[in-house]
Amino acid sequence: MEKKTDLRIIKTYKALSDTFLTMLGEKKFEDITVNELCERAMVRRATFYKHFADKYEFLGFFIRQTQDEFVAALDSTQLQEDYYSYYLYLFQKCINFLNLHQQLMERIMESNVFPTLLSIFSEEIYRHVLLKLKEDTVKGLYLPMSAEVLASFYTGGITQVLGFWFKKNPSMTEDELIADVELVLKSFSFQS
């Protein structure tokens, strides 16, 4: 993928992402076609295919972009706190996103390709967590196990807890869930 320095590329990505989010609220992922996405976003198909191989690759990009927006919203003081505060913040942002887009999440979970979508989501979370853990170890964070194992553990935990909460909502409030996740993260806290 090209670096997002060109204003045209930024506008294209935004149009595609905004339209994709709207369409996911209206129909299942498998019912979304690249043609319709491009037509509604007013982006040429050739432009889409210049940046993405297919809608699955675009979904991975969409998830990365959403994660990057969450991370960009962190202020510098939060980034300096314990690593668990960072992950708790990201988890809270995921919960907020789920609450804001409940219909979208229901459509995704109803999808015939839900296992594929979950796999893409998990891979993107894993990639992000692993990168962050490796950056933190360079800064002095001691990990008693490999970053890859810990990233896998966190990814599984995040996806399972989000799925549990979304399916069981409102049996547990958002605040109760976040408090439980905070306890889990604190219990796995590592020292710099």
N, C-alpha and C. Protein backbone atom coordinates (compact mmCIF):
# COMPACT_ATOMS: atom_id res chain seq x y z
N MET A 1 0.82 -1.18 0.00
CA MET A 1 0.00 0.00 0.00
C MET A 1 0.87 1.25 0.00
N GLU A 2 0.39 2.28 -0.65
CA GLU A 2 1.13 3.52 -0.71
C GLU A 2 1.05 4.26 0.61
N LYS A 3 2.06 5.04 0.87
CA LYS A 3 2.07 5.87 2.06
C LYS A 3 1.02 6.96 1.91
N LYS A 4 0.33 7.29 3.01
CA LYS A 4 -0.76 8.25 2.96
C LYS A 4 -0.25 9.68 3.01
N THR A 5 0.50 10.10 2.04
CA THR A 5 0.98 11.48 2.02
C THR A 5 0.20 12.31 1.01
N ASP A 6 -0.30 11.68 0.00
CA ASP A 6 -1.03 12.36 -1.05
C ASP A 6 -2.47 12.62 -0.59
N LEU A 7 -2.92 13.87 -0.71
CA LEU A 7 -4.26 14.24 -0.28
C LEU A 7 -5.33 13.42 -1.01
N ARG A 8 -5.11 13.09 -2.27
CA ARG A 8 -6.07 12.28 -3.01
C ARG A 8 -6.22 10.90 -2.39
N ILE A 9 -5.11 10.32 -1.95
CA ILE A 9 -5.15 9.00 -1.32
C ILE A 9 -5.90 9.08 0.01
N ILE A 10 -5.62 10.10 0.79
CA ILE A 10 -6.31 10.28 2.07
C ILE A 10 -7.81 10.40 1.84
N LYS A 11 -8.21 11.21 0.86
CA LYS A 11 -9.64 11.38 0.56
C LYS A 11 -10.27 10.08 0.07
N THR A 12 -9.54 9.34 -0.75
CA THR A 12 -10.03 8.06 -1.25
C THR A 12 -10.25 7.09 -0.10
N TYR A 13 -9.27 6.96 0.79
CA TYR A 13 -9.38 6.05 1.93
C TYR A 13 -10.55 6.45 2.82
N LYS A 14 -10.70 7.74 3.04
CA LYS A 14 -11.80 8.22 3.90
C LYS A 14 -13.14 7.92 3.26
N ALA A 15 -13.29 8.20 1.99
CA ALA A 15 -14.56 7.93 1.30
C ALA A 15 -14.88 6.44 1.34
N LEU A 16 -13.90 5.60 1.06
CA LEU A 16 -14.13 4.16 1.09
C LEU A 16 -14.47 3.68 2.50
N SER A 17 -13.75 4.16 3.50
CA SER A 17 -13.98 3.74 4.88
C SER A 17 -15.34 4.18 5.39
N ASP A 18 -15.70 5.43 5.14
CA ASP A 18 -17.00 5.93 5.60
C ASP A 18 -18.14 5.16 4.92
N THR A 19 -18.00 4.93 3.64
CA THR A 19 -19.03 4.20 2.89
C THR A 19 -19.10 2.75 3.35
N PHE A 20 -17.95 2.14 3.57
CA PHE A 20 -17.88 0.76 4.03
C PHE A 20 -18.58 0.61 5.38
N LEU A 21 -18.33 1.52 6.28
CA LEU A 21 -18.96 1.50 7.60
C LEU A 21 -20.48 1.62 7.47
N THR A 22 -20.93 2.51 6.61
CA THR A 22 -22.37 2.67 6.38
C THR A 22 -22.96 1.39 5.80
N MET A 23 -22.29 0.83 4.81
CA MET A 23 -22.80 -0.37 4.15
C MET A 23 -22.84 -1.56 5.10
N LEU A 24 -21.85 -1.68 5.99
CA LEU A 24 -21.85 -2.78 6.96
C LEU A 24 -23.03 -2.67 7.92
N GLY A 25 -23.51 -1.48 8.14
CA GLY A 25 -24.70 -1.30 8.96
C GLY A 25 -25.99 -1.67 8.24
N GLU A 26 -25.90 -1.80 6.93
CA GLU A 26 -27.08 -2.08 6.11
C GLU A 26 -27.17 -3.54 5.65
N LYS A 27 -26.03 -4.18 5.46
CA LYS A 27 -26.04 -5.53 4.89
C LYS A 27 -24.85 -6.33 5.40
N LYS A 28 -24.92 -7.64 5.18
CA LYS A 28 -23.83 -8.53 5.58
C LYS A 28 -22.60 -8.25 4.72
N PHE A 29 -21.44 -8.55 5.28
CA PHE A 29 -20.18 -8.33 4.58
C PHE A 29 -20.17 -9.02 3.22
N GLU A 30 -20.64 -10.27 3.16
CA GLU A 30 -20.58 -11.01 1.89
C GLU A 30 -21.48 -10.42 0.82
N ASP A 31 -22.45 -9.60 1.24
CA ASP A 31 -23.36 -8.96 0.27
C ASP A 31 -22.82 -7.63 -0.25
N ILE A 32 -21.73 -7.18 0.31
CA ILE A 32 -21.10 -5.94 -0.15
C ILE A 32 -20.17 -6.29 -1.31
N THR A 33 -20.35 -5.60 -2.42
CA THR A 33 -19.46 -5.83 -3.56
C THR A 33 -18.52 -4.63 -3.70
N VAL A 34 -17.38 -4.88 -4.29
CA VAL A 34 -16.44 -3.79 -4.55
C VAL A 34 -17.09 -2.77 -5.47
N ASN A 35 -17.85 -3.25 -6.46
CA ASN A 35 -18.53 -2.33 -7.38
C ASN A 35 -19.43 -1.36 -6.63
N GLU A 36 -20.28 -1.90 -5.75
CA GLU A 36 -21.21 -1.05 -5.02
C GLU A 36 -20.47 -0.12 -4.06
N LEU A 37 -19.46 -0.65 -3.38
CA LEU A 37 -18.66 0.18 -2.47
C LEU A 37 -18.05 1.35 -3.22
N CYS A 38 -17.45 1.07 -4.36
CA CYS A 38 -16.81 2.13 -5.15
C CYS A 38 -17.83 3.13 -5.68
N GLU A 39 -18.95 2.60 -6.16
CA GLU A 39 -19.98 3.48 -6.71
C GLU A 39 -20.52 4.43 -5.63
N ARG A 40 -20.83 3.89 -4.46
CA ARG A 40 -21.37 4.73 -3.39
C ARG A 40 -20.33 5.68 -2.81
N ALA A 41 -19.06 5.26 -2.82
CA ALA A 41 -17.99 6.13 -2.31
C ALA A 41 -17.50 7.12 -3.37
N MET A 42 -17.97 6.94 -4.60
CA MET A 42 -17.54 7.76 -5.73
C MET A 42 -16.03 7.64 -5.96
N VAL A 43 -15.59 6.38 -5.96
CA VAL A 43 -14.19 6.04 -6.19
C VAL A 43 -14.17 5.05 -7.35
N ARG A 44 -13.28 5.26 -8.27
CA ARG A 44 -13.18 4.35 -9.42
C ARG A 44 -12.69 2.97 -8.95
N ARG A 45 -13.24 1.93 -9.57
CA ARG A 45 -12.82 0.56 -9.23
C ARG A 45 -11.32 0.38 -9.44
N ALA A 46 -10.81 0.96 -10.50
CA ALA A 46 -9.37 0.84 -10.78
C ALA A 46 -8.56 1.43 -9.63
N THR A 47 -9.05 2.51 -9.04
CA THR A 47 -8.37 3.14 -7.91
C THR A 47 -8.41 2.20 -6.71
N PHE A 48 -9.58 1.59 -6.46
CA PHE A 48 -9.69 0.64 -5.35
C PHE A 48 -8.66 -0.48 -5.53
N TYR A 49 -8.64 -1.08 -6.71
CA TYR A 49 -7.74 -2.21 -6.96
C TYR A 49 -6.27 -1.81 -7.03
N LYS A 50 -6.00 -0.55 -7.20
CA LYS A 50 -4.62 -0.07 -7.14
C LYS A 50 -4.09 -0.18 -5.70
N HIS A 51 -5.00 -0.06 -4.72
CA HIS A 51 -4.61 -0.06 -3.31
C HIS A 51 -4.92 -1.36 -2.58
N PHE A 52 -5.94 -2.11 -3.05
CA PHE A 52 -6.38 -3.31 -2.33
C PHE A 52 -6.65 -4.44 -3.32
N ALA A 53 -6.28 -5.65 -2.93
CA ALA A 53 -6.51 -6.80 -3.80
C ALA A 53 -7.99 -7.18 -3.85
N ASP A 54 -8.69 -7.02 -2.73
CA ASP A 54 -10.10 -7.38 -2.67
C ASP A 54 -10.72 -6.76 -1.41
N LYS A 55 -11.98 -7.06 -1.15
CA LYS A 55 -12.66 -6.45 0.00
C LYS A 55 -12.13 -7.00 1.32
N TYR A 56 -11.54 -8.18 1.32
CA TYR A 56 -10.97 -8.73 2.55
C TYR A 56 -9.71 -7.96 2.95
N GLU A 57 -8.89 -7.66 1.96
CA GLU A 57 -7.71 -6.84 2.24
C GLU A 57 -8.13 -5.45 2.68
N PHE A 58 -9.19 -4.92 2.08
CA PHE A 58 -9.69 -3.62 2.51
C PHE A 58 -10.19 -3.69 3.95
N LEU A 59 -10.85 -4.78 4.34
CA LEU A 59 -11.31 -4.92 5.72
C LEU A 59 -10.13 -4.87 6.69
N GLY A 60 -9.03 -5.55 6.36
CA GLY A 60 -7.84 -5.47 7.20
C GLY A 60 -7.34 -4.05 7.32
N PHE A 61 -7.32 -3.33 6.20
CA PHE A 61 -6.93 -1.92 6.22
C PHE A 61 -7.87 -1.11 7.10
N PHE A 62 -9.17 -1.34 6.97
CA PHE A 62 -10.17 -0.61 7.75
C PHE A 62 -9.95 -0.82 9.25
N ILE A 63 -9.68 -2.05 9.65
CA ILE A 63 -9.42 -2.35 11.07
C ILE A 63 -8.15 -1.66 11.53
N ARG A 64 -7.08 -1.73 10.73
CA ARG A 64 -5.82 -1.03 11.09
C ARG A 64 -6.04 0.46 11.23
N GLN A 65 -6.79 1.02 10.30
CA GLN A 65 -7.06 2.46 10.32
C GLN A 65 -7.83 2.84 11.58
N THR A 66 -8.81 2.03 11.95
CA THR A 66 -9.59 2.30 13.17
C THR A 66 -8.69 2.21 14.40
N GLN A 67 -7.83 1.19 14.46
CA GLN A 67 -6.88 1.07 15.57
C GLN A 67 -5.96 2.28 15.62
N ASP A 68 -5.48 2.70 14.47
CA ASP A 68 -4.57 3.85 14.41
C ASP A 68 -5.26 5.11 14.91
N GLU A 69 -6.54 5.26 14.61
CA GLU A 69 -7.30 6.42 15.11
C GLU A 69 -7.41 6.36 16.63
N PHE A 70 -7.63 5.15 17.18
CA PHE A 70 -7.70 5.00 18.63
C PHE A 70 -6.37 5.40 19.27
N VAL A 71 -5.28 4.90 18.68
CA VAL A 71 -3.94 5.19 19.23
C VAL A 71 -3.61 6.67 19.11
N ALA A 72 -3.98 7.29 18.00
CA ALA A 72 -3.69 8.71 17.80
C ALA A 72 -4.41 9.56 18.84
N ALA A 73 -5.53 9.07 19.35
CA ALA A 73 -6.29 9.83 20.35
C ALA A 73 -5.64 9.78 21.74
N LEU A 74 -4.70 8.86 21.94
CA LEU A 74 -3.98 8.80 23.21
C LEU A 74 -3.12 10.03 23.36
N ASP A 75 -3.16 10.66 24.51
CA ASP A 75 -2.25 11.79 24.70
C ASP A 75 -0.92 11.26 25.24
N SER A 76 0.10 12.08 25.17
CA SER A 76 1.45 11.63 25.52
C SER A 76 1.57 11.19 26.97
N THR A 77 0.77 11.74 27.87
CA THR A 77 0.87 11.32 29.27
C THR A 77 0.36 9.90 29.44
N GLN A 78 -0.71 9.53 28.72
CA GLN A 78 -1.22 8.17 28.83
C GLN A 78 -0.20 7.17 28.29
N LEU A 79 0.51 7.54 27.25
CA LEU A 79 1.50 6.63 26.68
C LEU A 79 2.65 6.38 27.64
N GLN A 80 2.88 7.28 28.59
CA GLN A 80 3.98 7.13 29.53
C GLN A 80 3.61 6.26 30.73
N GLU A 81 2.31 5.99 30.94
CA GLU A 81 1.87 5.19 32.07
C GLU A 81 2.21 3.72 31.87
N ASP A 82 1.82 2.89 32.86
CA ASP A 82 2.02 1.44 32.74
C ASP A 82 1.43 0.97 31.43
N TYR A 83 2.01 -0.10 30.91
CA TYR A 83 1.53 -0.59 29.63
C TYR A 83 0.06 -1.01 29.72
N TYR A 84 -0.39 -1.47 30.90
CA TYR A 84 -1.77 -1.94 30.98
C TYR A 84 -2.75 -0.79 30.75
N SER A 85 -2.38 0.45 31.09
CA SER A 85 -3.27 1.59 30.84
C SER A 85 -3.49 1.79 29.35
N TYR A 86 -2.44 1.55 28.58
CA TYR A 86 -2.52 1.65 27.13
C TYR A 86 -3.52 0.64 26.59
N TYR A 87 -3.39 -0.62 27.01
CA TYR A 87 -4.28 -1.67 26.52
C TYR A 87 -5.70 -1.48 27.03
N LEU A 88 -5.85 -1.00 28.25
CA LEU A 88 -7.18 -0.74 28.79
C LEU A 88 -7.86 0.36 27.98
N TYR A 89 -7.11 1.39 27.63
CA TYR A 89 -7.65 2.47 26.80
C TYR A 89 -8.12 1.92 25.46
N LEU A 90 -7.30 1.10 24.82
CA LEU A 90 -7.69 0.52 23.53
C LEU A 90 -8.93 -0.35 23.66
N PHE A 91 -9.00 -1.11 24.75
CA PHE A 91 -10.17 -1.95 24.99
C PHE A 91 -11.42 -1.08 25.16
N GLN A 92 -11.29 0.00 25.92
CA GLN A 92 -12.41 0.92 26.11
C GLN A 92 -12.87 1.50 24.77
N LYS A 93 -11.92 1.85 23.92
CA LYS A 93 -12.27 2.39 22.60
C LYS A 93 -13.01 1.33 21.77
N CYS A 94 -12.59 0.07 21.88
CA CYS A 94 -13.30 -1.00 21.16
C CYS A 94 -14.73 -1.13 21.66
N ILE A 95 -14.91 -1.08 22.98
CA ILE A 95 -16.26 -1.16 23.56
C ILE A 95 -17.10 0.02 23.08
N ASN A 96 -16.52 1.21 23.09
CA ASN A 96 -17.25 2.39 22.61
C ASN A 96 -17.65 2.22 21.15
N PHE A 97 -16.73 1.69 20.34
CA PHE A 97 -17.00 1.46 18.92
C PHE A 97 -18.16 0.47 18.77
N LEU A 98 -18.13 -0.62 19.55
CA LEU A 98 -19.20 -1.62 19.50
C LEU A 98 -20.55 -0.99 19.86
N ASN A 99 -20.55 -0.19 20.91
CA ASN A 99 -21.79 0.47 21.33
C ASN A 99 -22.31 1.42 20.26
N LEU A 100 -21.41 2.15 19.65
CA LEU A 100 -21.79 3.12 18.63
C LEU A 100 -22.30 2.44 17.37
N HIS A 101 -21.79 1.25 17.08
CA HIS A 101 -22.11 0.55 15.83
C HIS A 101 -22.72 -0.82 16.11
N GLN A 102 -23.72 -0.89 16.96
CA GLN A 102 -24.32 -2.18 17.32
C GLN A 102 -24.92 -2.90 16.11
N GLN A 103 -25.62 -2.16 15.26
CA GLN A 103 -26.22 -2.80 14.10
C GLN A 103 -25.14 -3.38 13.19
N LEU A 104 -24.06 -2.65 13.03
CA LEU A 104 -22.94 -3.14 12.22
C LEU A 104 -22.42 -4.45 12.80
N MET A 105 -22.23 -4.50 14.12
CA MET A 105 -21.70 -5.71 14.76
C MET A 105 -22.67 -6.88 14.59
N GLU A 106 -23.97 -6.61 14.70
CA GLU A 106 -24.95 -7.68 14.51
C GLU A 106 -24.87 -8.23 13.09
N ARG A 107 -24.72 -7.35 12.11
CA ARG A 107 -24.60 -7.79 10.71
C ARG A 107 -23.34 -8.64 10.51
N ILE A 108 -22.26 -8.23 11.13
CA ILE A 108 -21.01 -8.99 10.99
C ILE A 108 -21.16 -10.37 11.62
N MET A 109 -21.76 -10.42 12.80
CA MET A 109 -21.91 -11.70 13.49
C MET A 109 -22.90 -12.63 12.78
N GLU A 110 -23.86 -12.07 12.02
CA GLU A 110 -24.82 -12.87 11.25
C GLU A 110 -24.19 -13.38 9.94
N SER A 111 -23.09 -12.80 9.57
CA SER A 111 -22.47 -13.08 8.28
C SER A 111 -22.05 -14.54 8.15
N ASN A 112 -22.21 -15.07 6.96
CA ASN A 112 -21.75 -16.43 6.66
C ASN A 112 -20.23 -16.53 6.69
N VAL A 113 -19.56 -15.40 6.52
CA VAL A 113 -18.10 -15.40 6.52
C VAL A 113 -17.55 -14.84 7.85
N PHE A 114 -18.36 -14.92 8.92
CA PHE A 114 -17.94 -14.40 10.22
C PHE A 114 -16.60 -14.97 10.68
N PRO A 115 -16.35 -16.30 10.55
CA PRO A 115 -15.05 -16.82 10.97
C PRO A 115 -13.88 -16.16 10.23
N THR A 116 -14.06 -15.88 8.95
CA THR A 116 -13.01 -15.20 8.17
C THR A 116 -12.83 -13.78 8.67
N LEU A 117 -13.94 -13.08 8.92
CA LEU A 117 -13.87 -11.71 9.42
C LEU A 117 -13.21 -11.67 10.79
N LEU A 118 -13.55 -12.62 11.65
CA LEU A 118 -12.95 -12.70 12.99
C LEU A 118 -11.45 -12.96 12.88
N SER A 119 -11.06 -13.80 11.93
CA SER A 119 -9.64 -14.09 11.72
C SER A 119 -8.89 -12.83 11.28
N ILE A 120 -9.47 -12.07 10.38
CA ILE A 120 -8.83 -10.82 9.93
C ILE A 120 -8.72 -9.85 11.10
N PHE A 121 -9.80 -9.72 11.88
CA PHE A 121 -9.80 -8.84 13.05
C PHE A 121 -8.72 -9.28 14.04
N SER A 122 -8.64 -10.59 14.31
CA SER A 122 -7.64 -11.12 15.25
C SER A 122 -6.22 -10.88 14.75
N GLU A 123 -5.99 -11.09 13.47
CA GLU A 123 -4.65 -10.87 12.91
C GLU A 123 -4.23 -9.42 13.06
N GLU A 124 -5.16 -8.49 12.86
CA GLU A 124 -4.82 -7.08 13.00
C GLU A 124 -4.55 -6.69 14.45
N ILE A 125 -5.34 -7.24 15.37
CA ILE A 125 -5.08 -6.98 16.79
C ILE A 125 -3.71 -7.57 17.16
N TYR A 126 -3.45 -8.81 16.73
CA TYR A 126 -2.17 -9.45 17.03
C TYR A 126 -1.01 -8.60 16.50
N ARG A 127 -1.11 -8.16 15.27
CA ARG A 127 -0.04 -7.36 14.66
C ARG A 127 0.20 -6.10 15.48
N HIS A 128 -0.87 -5.43 15.88
CA HIS A 128 -0.74 -4.19 16.64
C HIS A 128 -0.13 -4.45 18.03
N VAL A 129 -0.65 -5.46 18.73
CA VAL A 129 -0.15 -5.77 20.08
C VAL A 129 1.31 -6.20 20.03
N LEU A 130 1.66 -7.04 19.07
CA LEU A 130 3.05 -7.49 18.95
C LEU A 130 3.99 -6.32 18.69
N LEU A 131 3.62 -5.44 17.79
CA LEU A 131 4.43 -4.27 17.50
C LEU A 131 4.62 -3.42 18.75
N LYS A 132 3.54 -3.19 19.49
CA LYS A 132 3.62 -2.38 20.72
C LYS A 132 4.50 -3.06 21.76
N LEU A 133 4.36 -4.36 21.94
CA LEU A 133 5.19 -5.08 22.92
C LEU A 133 6.66 -5.00 22.54
N LYS A 134 6.96 -5.17 21.27
CA LYS A 134 8.36 -5.09 20.83
C LYS A 134 8.92 -3.68 21.03
N GLU A 135 8.12 -2.67 20.75
CA GLU A 135 8.56 -1.28 21.00
C GLU A 135 8.82 -1.07 22.49
N ASP A 136 7.92 -1.60 23.33
CA ASP A 136 8.07 -1.43 24.77
C ASP A 136 9.29 -2.17 25.33
N THR A 137 9.62 -3.33 24.76
CA THR A 137 10.81 -4.04 25.24
C THR A 137 12.08 -3.27 24.89
N VAL A 138 12.09 -2.60 23.75
CA VAL A 138 13.22 -1.75 23.39
C VAL A 138 13.37 -0.61 24.40
N LYS A 139 12.22 -0.15 24.94
CA LYS A 139 12.23 0.94 25.92
C LYS A 139 12.48 0.45 27.35
N GLY A 140 12.68 -0.87 27.52
CA GLY A 140 13.04 -1.39 28.84
C GLY A 140 12.00 -2.26 29.51
N LEU A 141 10.86 -2.52 28.88
CA LEU A 141 9.86 -3.40 29.48
C LEU A 141 10.40 -4.82 29.47
N TYR A 142 10.38 -5.47 30.63
CA TYR A 142 10.82 -6.85 30.74
C TYR A 142 9.63 -7.78 30.54
N LEU A 143 9.74 -8.70 29.61
CA LEU A 143 8.71 -9.71 29.39
C LEU A 143 9.28 -11.07 29.77
N PRO A 144 8.63 -11.79 30.68
CA PRO A 144 9.14 -13.11 31.08
C PRO A 144 8.87 -14.21 30.06
N MET A 145 8.23 -13.86 28.95
CA MET A 145 7.97 -14.81 27.86
C MET A 145 8.14 -14.07 26.55
N SER A 146 8.02 -14.79 25.44
CA SER A 146 8.21 -14.13 24.14
C SER A 146 7.07 -13.16 23.87
N ALA A 147 7.38 -12.11 23.15
CA ALA A 147 6.37 -11.11 22.77
C ALA A 147 5.29 -11.76 21.91
N GLU A 148 5.68 -12.73 21.08
CA GLU A 148 4.72 -13.41 20.21
C GLU A 148 3.67 -14.18 21.02
N VAL A 149 4.12 -14.89 22.08
CA VAL A 149 3.18 -15.64 22.92
C VAL A 149 2.25 -14.68 23.65
N LEU A 150 2.81 -13.62 24.20
CA LEU A 150 1.99 -12.65 24.93
C LEU A 150 1.00 -11.95 24.00
N ALA A 151 1.44 -11.59 22.82
CA ALA A 151 0.54 -10.97 21.85
C ALA A 151 -0.60 -11.92 21.47
N SER A 152 -0.29 -13.20 21.31
CA SER A 152 -1.32 -14.20 21.02
C SER A 152 -2.31 -14.32 22.16
N PHE A 153 -1.78 -14.31 23.39
CA PHE A 153 -2.62 -14.41 24.58
C PHE A 153 -3.56 -13.21 24.67
N TYR A 154 -3.02 -12.02 24.51
CA TYR A 154 -3.85 -10.81 24.57
C TYR A 154 -4.88 -10.78 23.45
N THR A 155 -4.48 -11.18 22.25
CA THR A 155 -5.40 -11.18 21.12
C THR A 155 -6.58 -12.10 21.39
N GLY A 156 -6.29 -13.31 21.84
CA GLY A 156 -7.36 -14.25 22.17
C GLY A 156 -8.26 -13.71 23.25
N GLY A 157 -7.66 -13.14 24.28
CA GLY A 157 -8.44 -12.57 25.37
C GLY A 157 -9.32 -11.43 24.91
N ILE A 158 -8.76 -10.53 24.14
CA ILE A 158 -9.53 -9.37 23.66
C ILE A 158 -10.71 -9.82 22.80
N THR A 159 -10.45 -10.69 21.84
CA THR A 159 -11.52 -11.10 20.93
C THR A 159 -12.60 -11.90 21.67
N GLN A 160 -12.19 -12.77 22.58
CA GLN A 160 -13.18 -13.56 23.32
C GLN A 160 -14.01 -12.70 24.26
N VAL A 161 -13.37 -11.78 24.97
CA VAL A 161 -14.11 -10.92 25.91
C VAL A 161 -15.05 -10.00 25.14
N LEU A 162 -14.59 -9.42 24.04
CA LEU A 162 -15.49 -8.56 23.24
C LEU A 162 -16.68 -9.35 22.72
N GLY A 163 -16.43 -10.56 22.22
CA GLY A 163 -17.51 -11.40 21.73
C GLY A 163 -18.49 -11.79 22.83
N PHE A 164 -17.95 -12.19 23.98
CA PHE A 164 -18.78 -12.53 25.14
C PHE A 164 -19.67 -11.37 25.53
N TRP A 165 -19.06 -10.20 25.66
CA TRP A 165 -19.82 -9.04 26.12
C TRP A 165 -20.87 -8.63 25.10
N PHE A 166 -20.50 -8.63 23.84
CA PHE A 166 -21.45 -8.20 22.82
C PHE A 166 -22.65 -9.14 22.76
N LYS A 167 -22.40 -10.45 22.86
CA LYS A 167 -23.49 -11.43 22.79
C LYS A 167 -24.36 -11.40 24.05
N LYS A 168 -23.76 -11.15 25.21
CA LYS A 168 -24.48 -11.19 26.49
C LYS A 168 -25.01 -9.83 26.91
N ASN A 169 -24.64 -8.76 26.24
CA ASN A 169 -25.06 -7.41 26.58
C ASN A 169 -26.58 -7.38 26.65
N PRO A 170 -27.21 -6.83 27.64
CA PRO A 170 -26.71 -5.98 28.72
C PRO A 170 -26.57 -6.69 30.08
N SER A 171 -26.29 -8.00 30.11
CA SER A 171 -26.17 -8.69 31.39
C SER A 171 -25.02 -8.14 32.23
N MET A 172 -24.06 -7.51 31.60
CA MET A 172 -22.93 -6.88 32.28
C MET A 172 -22.79 -5.48 31.71
N THR A 173 -22.68 -4.51 32.58
CA THR A 173 -22.56 -3.14 32.08
C THR A 173 -21.17 -2.93 31.49
N GLU A 174 -21.08 -1.89 30.69
CA GLU A 174 -19.79 -1.52 30.10
C GLU A 174 -18.76 -1.24 31.20
N ASP A 175 -19.17 -0.52 32.23
CA ASP A 175 -18.25 -0.21 33.34
C ASP A 175 -17.79 -1.46 34.07
N GLU A 176 -18.70 -2.42 34.28
CA GLU A 176 -18.32 -3.68 34.94
C GLU A 176 -17.32 -4.46 34.09
N LEU A 177 -17.57 -4.50 32.80
CA LEU A 177 -16.65 -5.20 31.90
C LEU A 177 -15.27 -4.56 31.92
N ILE A 178 -15.23 -3.25 31.81
CA ILE A 178 -13.95 -2.54 31.79
C ILE A 178 -13.22 -2.73 33.11
N ALA A 179 -13.94 -2.72 34.24
CA ALA A 179 -13.31 -2.95 35.55
C ALA A 179 -12.70 -4.35 35.62
N ASP A 180 -13.42 -5.36 35.10
CA ASP A 180 -12.88 -6.72 35.09
C ASP A 180 -11.64 -6.82 34.21
N VAL A 181 -11.70 -6.21 33.03
CA VAL A 181 -10.54 -6.25 32.13
C VAL A 181 -9.35 -5.53 32.77
N GLU A 182 -9.61 -4.44 33.46
CA GLU A 182 -8.54 -3.72 34.14
C GLU A 182 -7.87 -4.61 35.19
N LEU A 183 -8.65 -5.38 35.94
CA LEU A 183 -8.09 -6.31 36.93
C LEU A 183 -7.22 -7.38 36.26
N VAL A 184 -7.70 -7.90 35.14
CA VAL A 184 -6.92 -8.90 34.40
C VAL A 184 -5.59 -8.30 33.94
N LEU A 185 -5.65 -7.11 33.35
CA LEU A 185 -4.43 -6.47 32.85
C LEU A 185 -3.45 -6.17 33.99
N LYS A 186 -3.95 -5.71 35.11
CA LYS A 186 -3.08 -5.42 36.26
C LYS A 186 -2.43 -6.70 36.78
N SER A 187 -3.17 -7.81 36.75
CA SER A 187 -2.60 -9.06 37.25
C SER A 187 -1.49 -9.59 36.34
N PHE A 188 -1.46 -9.13 35.10
CA PHE A 188 -0.40 -9.54 34.16
C PHE A 188 0.58 -8.40 33.91
N SER A 189 0.66 -7.48 34.84
CA SER A 189 1.53 -6.31 34.70
C SER A 189 3.00 -6.72 34.79
N PHE A 190 3.81 -6.14 33.92
CA PHE A 190 5.25 -6.38 33.92
C PHE A 190 5.97 -5.07 34.20
N GLN A 191 7.13 -5.16 34.77
CA GLN A 191 7.88 -3.97 35.15
C GLN A 191 8.90 -3.60 34.09
N SER A 192 9.13 -2.31 33.96
CA SER A 192 10.17 -1.82 33.04
C SER A 192 11.52 -2.03 33.66
